[in-house]
Amino acid sequence: NQDEGKPLTYNDYRDYFKNDVIKCFT
């Protein structure tokens, strides 16, 4: 274990995180 927190799931990515990822990459 390295740190505390909740794991990021693929459902999280699809639901709310994907747009931020695309924006960062652009």
mmCIF file of all heavy atoms, coordinates in Angstrom:
data_MODEL
# 
_entry.id   MODEL 
# 
loop_
_atom_site.group_PDB 
_atom_site.id 
_atom_site.type_symbol 
_atom_site.label_atom_id 
_atom_site.label_alt_id 
_atom_site.label_comp_id 
_atom_site.label_asym_id 
_atom_site.label_entity_id 
_atom_site.label_seq_id 
_atom_site.pdbx_PDB_ins_code 
_atom_site.Cartn_x 
_atom_site.Cartn_y 
_atom_site.Cartn_z 
_atom_site.occupancy 
_atom_site.B_iso_or_equiv 
_atom_site.pdbx_formal_charge 
_atom_site.auth_seq_id 
_atom_site.auth_comp_id 
_atom_site.auth_asym_id 
_atom_site.auth_atom_id 
_atom_site.pdbx_PDB_model_num 
ATOM 1   N N   . ASN A 1 1  ? 0.858   -1.172 0.000   1.00 0.00 ? 1  ASN A N   1 
ATOM 2   C CA  . ASN A 1 1  ? 0.000   0.000  0.000   1.00 0.00 ? 1  ASN A CA  1 
ATOM 3   C C   . ASN A 1 1  ? 0.899   1.228  0.000   1.00 0.00 ? 1  ASN A C   1 
ATOM 4   O O   . ASN A 1 1  ? 1.930   1.255  0.673   1.00 0.00 ? 1  ASN A O   1 
ATOM 5   C CB  . ASN A 1 1  ? -0.908  0.005  1.229   1.00 0.00 ? 1  ASN A CB  1 
ATOM 6   C CG  . ASN A 1 1  ? -2.003  -1.021 1.126   1.00 0.00 ? 1  ASN A CG  1 
ATOM 7   O OD1 . ASN A 1 1  ? -2.711  -1.077 0.132   1.00 0.00 ? 1  ASN A OD1 1 
ATOM 8   N ND2 . ASN A 1 1  ? -2.147  -1.851 2.141   1.00 0.00 ? 1  ASN A ND2 1 
ATOM 9   N N   . GLN A 1 2  ? 0.501   2.243  -0.733  1.00 0.00 ? 2  GLN A N   1 
ATOM 10  C CA  . GLN A 1 2  ? 1.309   3.449  -0.855  1.00 0.00 ? 2  GLN A CA  1 
ATOM 11  C C   . GLN A 1 2  ? 0.636   4.673  -0.244  1.00 0.00 ? 2  GLN A C   1 
ATOM 12  O O   . GLN A 1 2  ? 1.290   5.527  0.305   1.00 0.00 ? 2  GLN A O   1 
ATOM 13  C CB  . GLN A 1 2  ? 1.611   3.733  -2.329  1.00 0.00 ? 2  GLN A CB  1 
ATOM 14  C CG  . GLN A 1 2  ? 2.403   2.652  -3.039  1.00 0.00 ? 2  GLN A CG  1 
ATOM 15  C CD  . GLN A 1 2  ? 3.833   2.581  -2.563  1.00 0.00 ? 2  GLN A CD  1 
ATOM 16  O OE1 . GLN A 1 2  ? 4.193   1.648  -1.860  1.00 0.00 ? 2  GLN A OE1 1 
ATOM 17  N NE2 . GLN A 1 2  ? 4.629   3.542  -2.915  1.00 0.00 ? 2  GLN A NE2 1 
ATOM 18  N N   . ASP A 1 3  ? -0.683  4.787  -0.441  1.00 0.00 ? 3  ASP A N   1 
ATOM 19  C CA  . ASP A 1 3  ? -1.385  5.998  -0.027  1.00 0.00 ? 3  ASP A CA  1 
ATOM 20  C C   . ASP A 1 3  ? -2.824  5.641  0.312   1.00 0.00 ? 3  ASP A C   1 
ATOM 21  O O   . ASP A 1 3  ? -3.282  4.534  0.040   1.00 0.00 ? 3  ASP A O   1 
ATOM 22  C CB  . ASP A 1 3  ? -1.340  7.037  -1.152  1.00 0.00 ? 3  ASP A CB  1 
ATOM 23  C CG  . ASP A 1 3  ? -1.485  8.466  -0.655  1.00 0.00 ? 3  ASP A CG  1 
ATOM 24  O OD1 . ASP A 1 3  ? -1.802  8.665  0.541   1.00 0.00 ? 3  ASP A OD1 1 
ATOM 25  O OD2 . ASP A 1 3  ? -1.290  9.388  -1.460  1.00 0.00 ? 3  ASP A OD2 1 
ATOM 26  N N   . GLU A 1 4  ? -3.539  6.598  0.887   1.00 0.00 ? 4  GLU A N   1 
ATOM 27  C CA  . GLU A 1 4  ? -4.950  6.424  1.216   1.00 0.00 ? 4  GLU A CA  1 
ATOM 28  C C   . GLU A 1 4  ? -5.798  7.038  0.105   1.00 0.00 ? 4  GLU A C   1 
ATOM 29  O O   . GLU A 1 4  ? -5.357  7.934  -0.598  1.00 0.00 ? 4  GLU A O   1 
ATOM 30  C CB  . GLU A 1 4  ? -5.267  7.120  2.544   1.00 0.00 ? 4  GLU A CB  1 
ATOM 31  C CG  . GLU A 1 4  ? -4.535  6.523  3.734   1.00 0.00 ? 4  GLU A CG  1 
ATOM 32  C CD  . GLU A 1 4  ? -4.946  5.097  4.041   1.00 0.00 ? 4  GLU A CD  1 
ATOM 33  O OE1 . GLU A 1 4  ? -6.145  4.779  3.947   1.00 0.00 ? 4  GLU A OE1 1 
ATOM 34  O OE2 . GLU A 1 4  ? -4.057  4.279  4.354   1.00 0.00 ? 4  GLU A OE2 1 
ATOM 35  N N   . GLY A 1 5  ? -7.009  6.585  -0.007  1.00 0.00 ? 5  GLY A N   1 
ATOM 36  C CA  . GLY A 1 5  ? -7.932  7.131  -0.984  1.00 0.00 ? 5  GLY A CA  1 
ATOM 37  C C   . GLY A 1 5  ? -8.778  6.032  -1.584  1.00 0.00 ? 5  GLY A C   1 
ATOM 38  O O   . GLY A 1 5  ? -8.652  4.863  -1.227  1.00 0.00 ? 5  GLY A O   1 
ATOM 39  N N   . LYS A 1 6  ? -9.632  6.434  -2.521  1.00 0.00 ? 6  LYS A N   1 
ATOM 40  C CA  . LYS A 1 6  ? -10.500 5.467  -3.193  1.00 0.00 ? 6  LYS A CA  1 
ATOM 41  C C   . LYS A 1 6  ? -9.950  5.201  -4.591  1.00 0.00 ? 6  LYS A C   1 
ATOM 42  O O   . LYS A 1 6  ? -9.567  6.137  -5.304  1.00 0.00 ? 6  LYS A O   1 
ATOM 43  C CB  . LYS A 1 6  ? -11.925 6.007  -3.283  1.00 0.00 ? 6  LYS A CB  1 
ATOM 44  C CG  . LYS A 1 6  ? -12.596 6.101  -1.937  1.00 0.00 ? 6  LYS A CG  1 
ATOM 45  C CD  . LYS A 1 6  ? -14.038 6.472  -2.084  1.00 0.00 ? 6  LYS A CD  1 
ATOM 46  C CE  . LYS A 1 6  ? -14.663 6.507  -0.688  1.00 0.00 ? 6  LYS A CE  1 
ATOM 47  N NZ  . LYS A 1 6  ? -16.100 6.520  -0.754  1.00 0.00 ? 6  LYS A NZ  1 
ATOM 48  N N   . PRO A 1 7  ? -9.962  3.935  -5.009  1.00 0.00 ? 7  PRO A N   1 
ATOM 49  C CA  . PRO A 1 7  ? -9.474  3.608  -6.355  1.00 0.00 ? 7  PRO A CA  1 
ATOM 50  C C   . PRO A 1 7  ? -10.366 4.212  -7.442  1.00 0.00 ? 7  PRO A C   1 
ATOM 51  O O   . PRO A 1 7  ? -11.589 4.292  -7.292  1.00 0.00 ? 7  PRO A O   1 
ATOM 52  C CB  . PRO A 1 7  ? -9.548  2.081  -6.404  1.00 0.00 ? 7  PRO A CB  1 
ATOM 53  C CG  . PRO A 1 7  ? -9.698  1.626  -5.001  1.00 0.00 ? 7  PRO A CG  1 
ATOM 54  C CD  . PRO A 1 7  ? -10.329 2.750  -4.252  1.00 0.00 ? 7  PRO A CD  1 
ATOM 55  N N   . LEU A 1 8  ? -9.743  4.625  -8.526  1.00 0.00 ? 8  LEU A N   1 
ATOM 56  C CA  . LEU A 1 8  ? -10.452 5.108  -9.708  1.00 0.00 ? 8  LEU A CA  1 
ATOM 57  C C   . LEU A 1 8  ? -10.923 3.890  -10.496 1.00 0.00 ? 8  LEU A C   1 
ATOM 58  O O   . LEU A 1 8  ? -10.119 3.019  -10.825 1.00 0.00 ? 8  LEU A O   1 
ATOM 59  C CB  . LEU A 1 8  ? -9.522  5.965  -10.570 1.00 0.00 ? 8  LEU A CB  1 
ATOM 60  C CG  . LEU A 1 8  ? -10.109 6.526  -11.863 1.00 0.00 ? 8  LEU A CG  1 
ATOM 61  C CD1 . LEU A 1 8  ? -11.197 7.557  -11.562 1.00 0.00 ? 8  LEU A CD1 1 
ATOM 62  C CD2 . LEU A 1 8  ? -9.010  7.161  -12.706 1.00 0.00 ? 8  LEU A CD2 1 
ATOM 63  N N   . THR A 1 9  ? -12.208 3.835  -10.792 1.00 0.00 ? 9  THR A N   1 
ATOM 64  C CA  . THR A 1 9  ? -12.732 2.716  -11.566 1.00 0.00 ? 9  THR A CA  1 
ATOM 65  C C   . THR A 1 9  ? -12.957 3.136  -13.015 1.00 0.00 ? 9  THR A C   1 
ATOM 66  O O   . THR A 1 9  ? -13.024 4.333  -13.333 1.00 0.00 ? 9  THR A O   1 
ATOM 67  C CB  . THR A 1 9  ? -14.073 2.201  -10.993 1.00 0.00 ? 9  THR A CB  1 
ATOM 68  O OG1 . THR A 1 9  ? -15.072 3.201  -11.198 1.00 0.00 ? 9  THR A OG1 1 
ATOM 69  C CG2 . THR A 1 9  ? -13.954 1.845  -9.519  1.00 0.00 ? 9  THR A CG2 1 
ATOM 70  N N   . TYR A 1 10 ? -13.095 2.143  -13.865 1.00 0.00 ? 10 TYR A N   1 
ATOM 71  C CA  . TYR A 1 10 ? -13.400 2.420  -15.265 1.00 0.00 ? 10 TYR A CA  1 
ATOM 72  C C   . TYR A 1 10 ? -14.773 3.093  -15.376 1.00 0.00 ? 10 TYR A C   1 
ATOM 73  O O   . TYR A 1 10 ? -14.972 3.962  -16.222 1.00 0.00 ? 10 TYR A O   1 
ATOM 74  C CB  . TYR A 1 10 ? -13.353 1.140  -16.098 1.00 0.00 ? 10 TYR A CB  1 
ATOM 75  C CG  . TYR A 1 10 ? -13.504 1.400  -17.567 1.00 0.00 ? 10 TYR A CG  1 
ATOM 76  C CD1 . TYR A 1 10 ? -12.545 2.137  -18.259 1.00 0.00 ? 10 TYR A CD1 1 
ATOM 77  C CD2 . TYR A 1 10 ? -14.595 0.935  -18.271 1.00 0.00 ? 10 TYR A CD2 1 
ATOM 78  C CE1 . TYR A 1 10 ? -12.689 2.409  -19.610 1.00 0.00 ? 10 TYR A CE1 1 
ATOM 79  C CE2 . TYR A 1 10 ? -14.744 1.187  -19.623 1.00 0.00 ? 10 TYR A CE2 1 
ATOM 80  C CZ  . TYR A 1 10 ? -13.785 1.926  -20.285 1.00 0.00 ? 10 TYR A CZ  1 
ATOM 81  O OH  . TYR A 1 10 ? -13.933 2.193  -21.625 1.00 0.00 ? 10 TYR A OH  1 
ATOM 82  N N   . ASN A 1 11 ? -15.700 2.738  -14.496 1.00 0.00 ? 11 ASN A N   1 
ATOM 83  C CA  . ASN A 1 11 ? -17.009 3.409  -14.492 1.00 0.00 ? 11 ASN A CA  1 
ATOM 84  C C   . ASN A 1 11 ? -16.860 4.886  -14.147 1.00 0.00 ? 11 ASN A C   1 
ATOM 85  O O   . ASN A 1 11 ? -17.539 5.736  -14.734 1.00 0.00 ? 11 ASN A O   1 
ATOM 86  C CB  . ASN A 1 11 ? -17.973 2.730  -13.522 1.00 0.00 ? 11 ASN A CB  1 
ATOM 87  C CG  . ASN A 1 11 ? -18.440 1.383  -14.016 1.00 0.00 ? 11 ASN A CG  1 
ATOM 88  O OD1 . ASN A 1 11 ? -18.290 1.067  -15.190 1.00 0.00 ? 11 ASN A OD1 1 
ATOM 89  N ND2 . ASN A 1 11 ? -18.975 0.577  -13.132 1.00 0.00 ? 11 ASN A ND2 1 
ATOM 90  N N   . ASP A 1 12 ? -15.982 5.221  -13.184 1.00 0.00 ? 12 ASP A N   1 
ATOM 91  C CA  . ASP A 1 12 ? -15.698 6.630  -12.874 1.00 0.00 ? 12 ASP A CA  1 
ATOM 92  C C   . ASP A 1 12 ? -15.188 7.338  -14.126 1.00 0.00 ? 12 ASP A C   1 
ATOM 93  O O   . ASP A 1 12 ? -15.605 8.460  -14.442 1.00 0.00 ? 12 ASP A O   1 
ATOM 94  C CB  . ASP A 1 12 ? -14.626 6.762  -11.786 1.00 0.00 ? 12 ASP A CB  1 
ATOM 95  C CG  . ASP A 1 12 ? -15.051 6.244  -10.434 1.00 0.00 ? 12 ASP A CG  1 
ATOM 96  O OD1 . ASP A 1 12 ? -16.256 6.219  -10.138 1.00 0.00 ? 12 ASP A OD1 1 
ATOM 97  O OD2 . ASP A 1 12 ? -14.141 5.853  -9.659  1.00 0.00 ? 12 ASP A OD2 1 
ATOM 98  N N   . TYR A 1 13 ? -14.265 6.695  -14.815 1.00 0.00 ? 13 TYR A N   1 
ATOM 99  C CA  . TYR A 1 13 ? -13.689 7.263  -16.033 1.00 0.00 ? 13 TYR A CA  1 
ATOM 100 C C   . TYR A 1 13 ? -14.793 7.557  -17.050 1.00 0.00 ? 13 TYR A C   1 
ATOM 101 O O   . TYR A 1 13 ? -14.867 8.654  -17.595 1.00 0.00 ? 13 TYR A O   1 
ATOM 102 C CB  . TYR A 1 13 ? -12.652 6.310  -16.621 1.00 0.00 ? 13 TYR A CB  1 
ATOM 103 C CG  . TYR A 1 13 ? -12.120 6.750  -17.957 1.00 0.00 ? 13 TYR A CG  1 
ATOM 104 C CD1 . TYR A 1 13 ? -11.182 7.773  -18.050 1.00 0.00 ? 13 TYR A CD1 1 
ATOM 105 C CD2 . TYR A 1 13 ? -12.566 6.159  -19.132 1.00 0.00 ? 13 TYR A CD2 1 
ATOM 106 C CE1 . TYR A 1 13 ? -10.705 8.194  -19.285 1.00 0.00 ? 13 TYR A CE1 1 
ATOM 107 C CE2 . TYR A 1 13 ? -12.091 6.569  -20.361 1.00 0.00 ? 13 TYR A CE2 1 
ATOM 108 C CZ  . TYR A 1 13 ? -11.165 7.579  -20.431 1.00 0.00 ? 13 TYR A CZ  1 
ATOM 109 O OH  . TYR A 1 13 ? -10.696 7.998  -21.654 1.00 0.00 ? 13 TYR A OH  1 
ATOM 110 N N   . ARG A 1 14 ? -15.643 6.590  -17.296 1.00 0.00 ? 14 ARG A N   1 
ATOM 111 C CA  . ARG A 1 14 ? -16.719 6.756  -18.282 1.00 0.00 ? 14 ARG A CA  1 
ATOM 112 C C   . ARG A 1 14 ? -17.744 7.795  -17.832 1.00 0.00 ? 14 ARG A C   1 
ATOM 113 O O   . ARG A 1 14 ? -18.257 8.554  -18.645 1.00 0.00 ? 14 ARG A O   1 
ATOM 114 C CB  . ARG A 1 14 ? -17.414 5.424  -18.556 1.00 0.00 ? 14 ARG A CB  1 
ATOM 115 C CG  . ARG A 1 14 ? -16.542 4.426  -19.289 1.00 0.00 ? 14 ARG A CG  1 
ATOM 116 C CD  . ARG A 1 14 ? -17.304 3.165  -19.614 1.00 0.00 ? 14 ARG A CD  1 
ATOM 117 N NE  . ARG A 1 14 ? -18.505 3.418  -20.372 1.00 0.00 ? 14 ARG A NE  1 
ATOM 118 C CZ  . ARG A 1 14 ? -18.564 3.673  -21.676 1.00 0.00 ? 14 ARG A CZ  1 
ATOM 119 N NH1 . ARG A 1 14 ? -17.462 3.712  -22.366 1.00 0.00 ? 14 ARG A NH1 1 
ATOM 120 N NH2 . ARG A 1 14 ? -19.714 3.884  -22.269 1.00 0.00 ? 14 ARG A NH2 1 
ATOM 121 N N   . ASP A 1 15 ? -18.056 7.836  -16.531 1.00 0.00 ? 15 ASP A N   1 
ATOM 122 C CA  . ASP A 1 15 ? -19.114 8.711  -16.018 1.00 0.00 ? 15 ASP A CA  1 
ATOM 123 C C   . ASP A 1 15 ? -18.719 10.183 -15.931 1.00 0.00 ? 15 ASP A C   1 
ATOM 124 O O   . ASP A 1 15 ? -19.503 11.052 -16.277 1.00 0.00 ? 15 ASP A O   1 
ATOM 125 C CB  . ASP A 1 15 ? -19.580 8.250  -14.635 1.00 0.00 ? 15 ASP A CB  1 
ATOM 126 C CG  . ASP A 1 15 ? -20.412 6.983  -14.681 1.00 0.00 ? 15 ASP A CG  1 
ATOM 127 O OD1 . ASP A 1 15 ? -20.846 6.574  -15.783 1.00 0.00 ? 15 ASP A OD1 1 
ATOM 128 O OD2 . ASP A 1 15 ? -20.615 6.385  -13.615 1.00 0.00 ? 15 ASP A OD2 1 
ATOM 129 N N   . TYR A 1 16 ? -17.509 10.471 -15.428 1.00 0.00 ? 16 TYR A N   1 
ATOM 130 C CA  . TYR A 1 16 ? -17.192 11.885 -15.189 1.00 0.00 ? 16 TYR A CA  1 
ATOM 131 C C   . TYR A 1 16 ? -15.746 12.290 -15.477 1.00 0.00 ? 16 TYR A C   1 
ATOM 132 O O   . TYR A 1 16 ? -15.452 13.479 -15.552 1.00 0.00 ? 16 TYR A O   1 
ATOM 133 C CB  . TYR A 1 16 ? -17.522 12.279 -13.742 1.00 0.00 ? 16 TYR A CB  1 
ATOM 134 C CG  . TYR A 1 16 ? -16.643 11.632 -12.690 1.00 0.00 ? 16 TYR A CG  1 
ATOM 135 C CD1 . TYR A 1 16 ? -15.428 12.192 -12.318 1.00 0.00 ? 16 TYR A CD1 1 
ATOM 136 C CD2 . TYR A 1 16 ? -17.034 10.457 -12.068 1.00 0.00 ? 16 TYR A CD2 1 
ATOM 137 C CE1 . TYR A 1 16 ? -14.627 11.601 -11.359 1.00 0.00 ? 16 TYR A CE1 1 
ATOM 138 C CE2 . TYR A 1 16 ? -16.238 9.858  -11.102 1.00 0.00 ? 16 TYR A CE2 1 
ATOM 139 C CZ  . TYR A 1 16 ? -15.040 10.434 -10.759 1.00 0.00 ? 16 TYR A CZ  1 
ATOM 140 O OH  . TYR A 1 16 ? -14.245 9.830  -9.820  1.00 0.00 ? 16 TYR A OH  1 
ATOM 141 N N   . PHE A 1 17 ? -14.855 11.367 -15.660 1.00 0.00 ? 17 PHE A N   1 
ATOM 142 C CA  . PHE A 1 17 ? -13.441 11.700 -15.732 1.00 0.00 ? 17 PHE A CA  1 
ATOM 143 C C   . PHE A 1 17 ? -12.921 11.820 -17.166 1.00 0.00 ? 17 PHE A C   1 
ATOM 144 O O   . PHE A 1 17 ? -11.949 12.518 -17.426 1.00 0.00 ? 17 PHE A O   1 
ATOM 145 C CB  . PHE A 1 17 ? -12.662 10.617 -14.974 1.00 0.00 ? 17 PHE A CB  1 
ATOM 146 C CG  . PHE A 1 17 ? -11.301 11.018 -14.504 1.00 0.00 ? 17 PHE A CG  1 
ATOM 147 C CD1 . PHE A 1 17 ? -11.138 12.016 -13.571 1.00 0.00 ? 17 PHE A CD1 1 
ATOM 148 C CD2 . PHE A 1 17 ? -10.182 10.369 -14.983 1.00 0.00 ? 17 PHE A CD2 1 
ATOM 149 C CE1 . PHE A 1 17 ? -9.876  12.380 -13.127 1.00 0.00 ? 17 PHE A CE1 1 
ATOM 150 C CE2 . PHE A 1 17 ? -8.920  10.722 -14.549 1.00 0.00 ? 17 PHE A CE2 1 
ATOM 151 C CZ  . PHE A 1 17 ? -8.764  11.726 -13.616 1.00 0.00 ? 17 PHE A CZ  1 
ATOM 152 N N   . LYS A 1 18 ? -13.570 11.167 -18.106 1.00 0.00 ? 18 LYS A N   1 
ATOM 153 C CA  . LYS A 1 18 ? -13.082 11.073 -19.483 1.00 0.00 ? 18 LYS A CA  1 
ATOM 154 C C   . LYS A 1 18 ? -12.888 12.444 -20.141 1.00 0.00 ? 18 LYS A C   1 
ATOM 155 O O   . LYS A 1 18 ? -11.878 12.671 -20.817 1.00 0.00 ? 18 LYS A O   1 
ATOM 156 C CB  . LYS A 1 18 ? -14.039 10.214 -20.300 1.00 0.00 ? 18 LYS A CB  1 
ATOM 157 C CG  . LYS A 1 18 ? -13.573 9.922  -21.693 1.00 0.00 ? 18 LYS A CG  1 
ATOM 158 C CD  . LYS A 1 18 ? -14.556 8.981  -22.380 1.00 0.00 ? 18 LYS A CD  1 
ATOM 159 C CE  . LYS A 1 18 ? -14.072 8.591  -23.748 1.00 0.00 ? 18 LYS A CE  1 
ATOM 160 N NZ  . LYS A 1 18 ? -14.996 7.637  -24.385 1.00 0.00 ? 18 LYS A NZ  1 
ATOM 161 N N   . ASN A 1 19 ? -13.846 13.359 -19.952 1.00 0.00 ? 19 ASN A N   1 
ATOM 162 C CA  . ASN A 1 19 ? -13.732 14.678 -20.586 1.00 0.00 ? 19 ASN A CA  1 
ATOM 163 C C   . ASN A 1 19 ? -12.501 15.440 -20.091 1.00 0.00 ? 19 ASN A C   1 
ATOM 164 O O   . ASN A 1 19 ? -11.832 16.122 -20.870 1.00 0.00 ? 19 ASN A O   1 
ATOM 165 C CB  . ASN A 1 19 ? -15.005 15.500 -20.369 1.00 0.00 ? 19 ASN A CB  1 
ATOM 166 C CG  . ASN A 1 19 ? -16.166 14.955 -21.176 1.00 0.00 ? 19 ASN A CG  1 
ATOM 167 O OD1 . ASN A 1 19 ? -15.981 14.274 -22.180 1.00 0.00 ? 19 ASN A OD1 1 
ATOM 168 N ND2 . ASN A 1 19 ? -17.368 15.242 -20.715 1.00 0.00 ? 19 ASN A ND2 1 
ATOM 169 N N   . ASP A 1 20 ? -12.185 15.336 -18.788 1.00 0.00 ? 20 ASP A N   1 
ATOM 170 C CA  . ASP A 1 20 ? -10.991 15.989 -18.248 1.00 0.00 ? 20 ASP A CA  1 
ATOM 171 C C   . ASP A 1 20 ? -9.720  15.383 -18.849 1.00 0.00 ? 20 ASP A C   1 
ATOM 172 O O   . ASP A 1 20 ? -8.758  16.096 -19.144 1.00 0.00 ? 20 ASP A O   1 
ATOM 173 C CB  . ASP A 1 20 ? -10.940 15.858 -16.728 1.00 0.00 ? 20 ASP A CB  1 
ATOM 174 C CG  . ASP A 1 20 ? -12.018 16.666 -16.023 1.00 0.00 ? 20 ASP A CG  1 
ATOM 175 O OD1 . ASP A 1 20 ? -12.576 17.595 -16.638 1.00 0.00 ? 20 ASP A OD1 1 
ATOM 176 O OD2 . ASP A 1 20 ? -12.303 16.359 -14.851 1.00 0.00 ? 20 ASP A OD2 1 
ATOM 177 N N   . VAL A 1 21 ? -9.726  14.088 -19.036 1.00 0.00 ? 21 VAL A N   1 
ATOM 178 C CA  . VAL A 1 21 ? -8.572  13.396 -19.620 1.00 0.00 ? 21 VAL A CA  1 
ATOM 179 C C   . VAL A 1 21 ? -8.364  13.850 -21.059 1.00 0.00 ? 21 VAL A C   1 
ATOM 180 O O   . VAL A 1 21 ? -7.241  14.177 -21.469 1.00 0.00 ? 21 VAL A O   1 
ATOM 181 C CB  . VAL A 1 21 ? -8.759  11.863 -19.535 1.00 0.00 ? 21 VAL A CB  1 
ATOM 182 C CG1 . VAL A 1 21 ? -7.687  11.131 -20.314 1.00 0.00 ? 21 VAL A CG1 1 
ATOM 183 C CG2 . VAL A 1 21 ? -8.778  11.412 -18.078 1.00 0.00 ? 21 VAL A CG2 1 
ATOM 184 N N   . ILE A 1 22 ? -9.432  13.890 -21.818 1.00 0.00 ? 22 ILE A N   1 
ATOM 185 C CA  . ILE A 1 22 ? -9.340  14.324 -23.222 1.00 0.00 ? 22 ILE A CA  1 
ATOM 186 C C   . ILE A 1 22 ? -8.861  15.765 -23.305 1.00 0.00 ? 22 ILE A C   1 
ATOM 187 O O   . ILE A 1 22 ? -7.994  16.096 -24.127 1.00 0.00 ? 22 ILE A O   1 
ATOM 188 C CB  . ILE A 1 22 ? -10.702 14.138 -23.930 1.00 0.00 ? 22 ILE A CB  1 
ATOM 189 C CG1 . ILE A 1 22 ? -11.010 12.640 -24.071 1.00 0.00 ? 22 ILE A CG1 1 
ATOM 190 C CG2 . ILE A 1 22 ? -10.718 14.829 -25.292 1.00 0.00 ? 22 ILE A CG2 1 
ATOM 191 C CD1 . ILE A 1 22 ? -12.428 12.339 -24.501 1.00 0.00 ? 22 ILE A CD1 1 
ATOM 192 N N   . LYS A 1 23 ? -9.382  16.631 -22.440 1.00 0.00 ? 23 LYS A N   1 
ATOM 193 C CA  . LYS A 1 23 ? -8.974  18.041 -22.429 1.00 0.00 ? 23 LYS A CA  1 
ATOM 194 C C   . LYS A 1 23 ? -7.477  18.163 -22.117 1.00 0.00 ? 23 LYS A C   1 
ATOM 195 O O   . LYS A 1 23 ? -6.750  18.898 -22.791 1.00 0.00 ? 23 LYS A O   1 
ATOM 196 C CB  . LYS A 1 23 ? -9.795  18.817 -21.395 1.00 0.00 ? 23 LYS A CB  1 
ATOM 197 C CG  . LYS A 1 23 ? -9.450  20.284 -21.326 1.00 0.00 ? 23 LYS A CG  1 
ATOM 198 C CD  . LYS A 1 23 ? -10.284 20.996 -20.276 1.00 0.00 ? 23 LYS A CD  1 
ATOM 199 C CE  . LYS A 1 23 ? -9.838  22.445 -20.173 1.00 0.00 ? 23 LYS A CE  1 
ATOM 200 N NZ  . LYS A 1 23 ? -10.314 23.088 -18.976 1.00 0.00 ? 23 LYS A NZ  1 
ATOM 201 N N   . CYS A 1 24 ? -6.999  17.441 -21.117 1.00 0.00 ? 24 CYS A N   1 
ATOM 202 C CA  . CYS A 1 24 ? -5.570  17.471 -20.760 1.00 0.00 ? 24 CYS A CA  1 
ATOM 203 C C   . CYS A 1 24 ? -4.694  17.021 -21.914 1.00 0.00 ? 24 CYS A C   1 
ATOM 204 O O   . CYS A 1 24 ? -3.660  17.621 -22.195 1.00 0.00 ? 24 CYS A O   1 
ATOM 205 C CB  . CYS A 1 24 ? -5.300  16.570 -19.558 1.00 0.00 ? 24 CYS A CB  1 
ATOM 206 S SG  . CYS A 1 24 ? -5.711  17.302 -17.993 1.00 0.00 ? 24 CYS A SG  1 
ATOM 207 N N   . PHE A 1 25 ? -5.116  15.954 -22.578 1.00 0.00 ? 25 PHE A N   1 
ATOM 208 C CA  . PHE A 1 25 ? -4.299  15.428 -23.668 1.00 0.00 ? 25 PHE A CA  1 
ATOM 209 C C   . PHE A 1 25 ? -4.281  16.386 -24.849 1.00 0.00 ? 25 PHE A C   1 
ATOM 210 O O   . PHE A 1 25 ? -3.230  16.600 -25.469 1.00 0.00 ? 25 PHE A O   1 
ATOM 211 C CB  . PHE A 1 25 ? -4.785  14.043 -24.103 1.00 0.00 ? 25 PHE A CB  1 
ATOM 212 C CG  . PHE A 1 25 ? -3.828  13.375 -25.049 1.00 0.00 ? 25 PHE A CG  1 
ATOM 213 C CD1 . PHE A 1 25 ? -2.593  12.924 -24.593 1.00 0.00 ? 25 PHE A CD1 1 
ATOM 214 C CD2 . PHE A 1 25 ? -4.141  13.204 -26.374 1.00 0.00 ? 25 PHE A CD2 1 
ATOM 215 C CE1 . PHE A 1 25 ? -1.696  12.317 -25.445 1.00 0.00 ? 25 PHE A CE1 1 
ATOM 216 C CE2 . PHE A 1 25 ? -3.249  12.596 -27.250 1.00 0.00 ? 25 PHE A CE2 1 
ATOM 217 C CZ  . PHE A 1 25 ? -2.027  12.155 -26.780 1.00 0.00 ? 25 PHE A CZ  1 
ATOM 218 N N   . THR A 1 26 ? -5.408  17.001 -25.138 1.00 0.00 ? 26 THR A N   1 
ATOM 219 C CA  . THR A 1 26 ? -5.483  17.988 -26.225 1.00 0.00 ? 26 THR A CA  1 
ATOM 220 C C   . THR A 1 26 ? -4.538  19.161 -25.944 1.00 0.00 ? 26 THR A C   1 
ATOM 221 O O   . THR A 1 26 ? -3.774  19.589 -26.824 1.00 0.00 ? 26 THR A O   1 
ATOM 222 C CB  . THR A 1 26 ? -6.931  18.480 -26.410 1.00 0.00 ? 26 THR A CB  1 
ATOM 223 O OG1 . THR A 1 26 ? -7.761  17.357 -26.703 1.00 0.00 ? 26 THR A OG1 1 
ATOM 224 C CG2 . THR A 1 26 ? -7.036  19.501 -27.525 1.00 0.00 ? 26 THR A CG2 1 
# 
